[in-house]
Amino acid sequence: MKLSFKAPCKSILLVVLSVLFLTACGGQADLNDSKGKAINLKDSNGRWTALNIWADWCEPCRDEIPELNALNIDGRIRVIGYDFDGSQGLELQSKMARMDIAFTVLSDSPLIMLEIKAPKALPATLLLNPEGKLVDTLLGPQDRISISSKIQELQAKGEG
């Protein structure tokens, strides 16, 4: 029995097969940041990513923001944030302004893509190698030195 598809069906089939192929090959979909820009957890510049999960009601989260801003400005490590409460739009932008967050903040949850559950403690900083693979999770407030040192340790072990 020979299967035949009409042109529109062929196009849809090709799109579906392409998505399945990319997913099977470890391709990552883009997430959106607070401004609607697409962000991929894989860093095309070959940097590690510190993905910080914070909440505006969490005092240690607020206390570490200046350190994360400085790490982001340095540029050697990409800093991305995510609001534990899942805020979006104007609410998210208002929280970012109140907390003086200067790094990229996702409006989409990265947890599903990383196949992990929400952290049990905040702040939580997920360390992703340049390929976007979760390598370690740091709980509690971090600073530039603790994050940089942990990444150096992971690199020495061949994790990225």
Protein backbone atom coordinates (compact mmCIF):
# COMPACT_ATOMS: atom_id res chain seq x y z
CA MET A 1 0.00 0.00 0.00
CA LYS A 2 1.42 3.35 -1.03
CA LEU A 3 0.82 6.41 1.14
CA SER A 4 0.32 9.71 -0.58
CA PHE A 5 0.03 13.12 1.01
CA LYS A 6 -1.26 16.35 -0.44
CA ALA A 7 1.10 19.37 -0.40
CA PRO A 8 -0.25 21.02 2.83
CA CYS A 9 -0.05 17.69 4.66
CA LYS A 10 3.53 17.20 3.49
CA SER A 11 4.51 20.61 4.91
CA ILE A 12 2.91 19.89 8.26
CA LEU A 13 4.49 16.45 8.36
CA LEU A 14 7.94 17.94 7.64
CA VAL A 15 7.53 20.51 10.44
CA VAL A 16 6.45 17.83 12.93
CA LEU A 17 9.32 15.55 11.94
CA SER A 18 11.80 18.44 12.20
CA VAL A 19 10.63 19.28 15.73
CA LEU A 20 10.84 15.63 16.76
CA PHE A 21 14.32 15.34 15.26
CA LEU A 22 15.59 18.47 17.05
CA THR A 23 14.12 17.29 20.33
CA ALA A 24 15.68 13.84 19.96
CA CYS A 25 19.05 15.41 19.12
CA GLY A 26 19.03 17.56 22.24
CA GLY A 27 18.01 20.79 20.52
CA GLN A 28 16.63 23.29 22.97
CA ALA A 29 13.67 25.51 22.35
CA ASP A 30 13.96 29.16 23.19
CA LEU A 31 12.54 30.69 26.34
CA ASN A 32 11.32 34.28 26.49
CA ASP A 33 12.79 36.99 28.67
CA SER A 34 10.91 39.85 30.34
CA LYS A 35 11.09 41.89 27.11
CA GLY A 36 9.86 39.05 24.88
CA LYS A 37 13.31 38.26 23.47
CA ALA A 38 14.09 34.60 22.77
CA ILE A 39 16.78 33.16 25.05
CA ASN A 40 18.38 29.75 24.59
CA LEU A 41 20.01 28.05 27.57
CA LYS A 42 22.89 27.01 25.32
CA ASP A 43 25.27 29.98 25.12
CA SER A 44 26.54 30.53 21.59
CA ASN A 45 29.47 32.49 23.05
CA GLY A 46 30.74 29.42 24.93
CA ARG A 47 30.09 30.83 28.41
CA TRP A 48 28.72 29.11 31.46
CA THR A 49 25.32 30.29 32.68
CA ALA A 50 24.35 31.08 36.25
CA LEU A 51 20.56 30.72 36.27
CA ASN A 52 19.36 32.35 39.47
CA ILE A 53 15.92 31.56 40.86
CA TRP A 54 14.74 34.36 43.14
CA ALA A 55 11.63 35.82 44.76
CA ASP A 56 10.99 39.42 45.80
CA TRP A 57 9.82 38.27 49.26
CA CYS A 58 13.14 36.42 49.84
CA GLU A 59 15.62 38.65 51.69
CA PRO A 60 18.74 36.60 50.78
CA CYS A 61 17.60 36.78 47.14
CA ARG A 62 17.44 40.57 47.32
CA ASP A 63 20.82 40.71 49.09
CA GLU A 64 22.65 38.78 46.33
CA ILE A 65 21.34 40.88 43.41
CA PRO A 66 24.29 43.36 43.43
CA GLU A 67 26.75 40.44 43.19
CA LEU A 68 24.81 38.89 40.30
CA ASN A 69 24.63 42.27 38.55
CA ALA A 70 28.42 42.61 38.88
CA LEU A 71 28.97 39.07 37.59
CA ASN A 72 26.74 39.85 34.62
CA ILE A 73 28.62 43.08 33.85
CA ASP A 74 31.93 41.17 33.94
CA GLY A 75 30.60 39.09 31.01
CA ARG A 76 32.64 35.91 31.50
CA ILE A 77 29.61 34.13 32.98
CA ARG A 78 26.12 34.72 31.61
CA VAL A 79 23.62 35.54 34.35
CA ILE A 80 19.94 34.82 33.83
CA GLY A 81 17.20 35.05 36.44
CA TYR A 82 13.77 33.54 36.96
CA ASP A 83 11.11 34.68 39.43
CA PHE A 84 10.15 31.70 41.59
CA ASP A 85 6.57 33.04 41.63
CA GLY A 86 6.37 32.97 37.83
CA SER A 87 5.54 36.65 37.35
CA GLN A 88 5.22 37.94 33.81
CA GLY A 89 4.68 41.19 31.96
CA LEU A 90 4.38 44.41 33.95
CA GLU A 91 4.39 42.58 37.28
CA LEU A 92 7.76 40.99 36.46
CA GLN A 93 9.21 44.26 35.17
CA SER A 94 8.04 46.04 38.33
CA LYS A 95 9.72 43.43 40.56
CA MET A 96 12.92 43.71 38.53
CA ALA A 97 12.91 47.52 38.91
CA ARG A 98 12.25 47.35 42.68
CA MET A 99 15.07 44.82 43.13
CA ASP A 100 17.40 46.71 40.75
CA ILE A 101 18.00 43.61 38.61
CA ALA A 102 20.26 44.44 35.66
CA PHE A 103 20.60 40.94 34.16
CA THR A 104 18.22 39.06 31.85
CA VAL A 105 15.16 37.58 33.56
CA LEU A 106 13.06 34.86 31.98
CA SER A 107 9.29 35.11 31.87
CA ASP A 108 9.10 31.41 30.89
CA SER A 109 9.99 28.75 33.42
CA PRO A 110 13.25 26.95 32.59
CA LEU A 111 12.44 24.13 35.02
CA ILE A 112 10.47 21.99 32.58
CA MET A 113 13.15 22.27 29.90
CA LEU A 114 15.82 21.33 32.46
CA GLU A 115 13.60 18.48 33.69
CA ILE A 116 13.85 19.51 37.34
CA LYS A 117 11.44 20.44 40.12
CA ALA A 118 11.29 23.85 41.76
CA PRO A 119 14.05 24.29 44.35
CA LYS A 120 13.13 23.70 47.99
CA ALA A 121 15.18 26.70 49.14
CA LEU A 122 15.84 30.18 47.77
CA PRO A 123 17.86 31.65 46.33
CA ALA A 124 18.96 28.82 44.07
CA THR A 125 21.59 29.23 41.36
CA LEU A 126 21.68 26.58 38.65
CA LEU A 127 25.01 26.25 36.85
CA LEU A 128 24.70 25.33 33.19
CA ASN A 129 27.68 24.49 31.01
CA PRO A 130 28.01 26.24 27.61
CA GLU A 131 25.88 23.50 26.01
CA GLY A 132 23.00 24.36 28.35
CA LYS A 133 23.32 21.21 30.47
CA LEU A 134 22.57 21.58 34.17
CA VAL A 135 25.76 20.63 36.01
CA ASP A 136 25.23 21.81 39.59
CA THR A 137 22.83 23.68 41.88
CA LEU A 138 23.96 26.13 44.54
CA LEU A 139 21.48 26.86 47.34
CA GLY A 140 21.57 30.03 49.39
CA PRO A 141 23.03 33.42 48.55
CA GLN A 142 26.02 33.46 46.21
CA ASP A 143 28.59 36.02 45.18
CA ARG A 144 30.93 36.44 42.22
CA ILE A 145 33.69 34.44 43.88
CA SER A 146 31.55 31.47 44.96
CA ILE A 147 29.99 31.11 41.50
CA SER A 148 33.27 31.57 39.61
CA SER A 149 35.11 29.17 41.92
CA LYS A 150 32.44 26.47 41.56
CA ILE A 151 32.54 26.79 37.75
CA GLN A 152 36.35 26.51 37.77
CA GLU A 153 36.06 23.39 39.94
CA LEU A 154 33.50 21.86 37.55
CA GLN A 155 35.66 22.69 34.51
CA ALA A 156 38.65 21.02 36.19
CA LYS A 157 36.50 17.86 36.56
CA GLY A 158 35.70 18.02 32.84
CA GLU A 159 32.06 19.06 33.27
CA GLY A 160 32.12 21.72 30.60
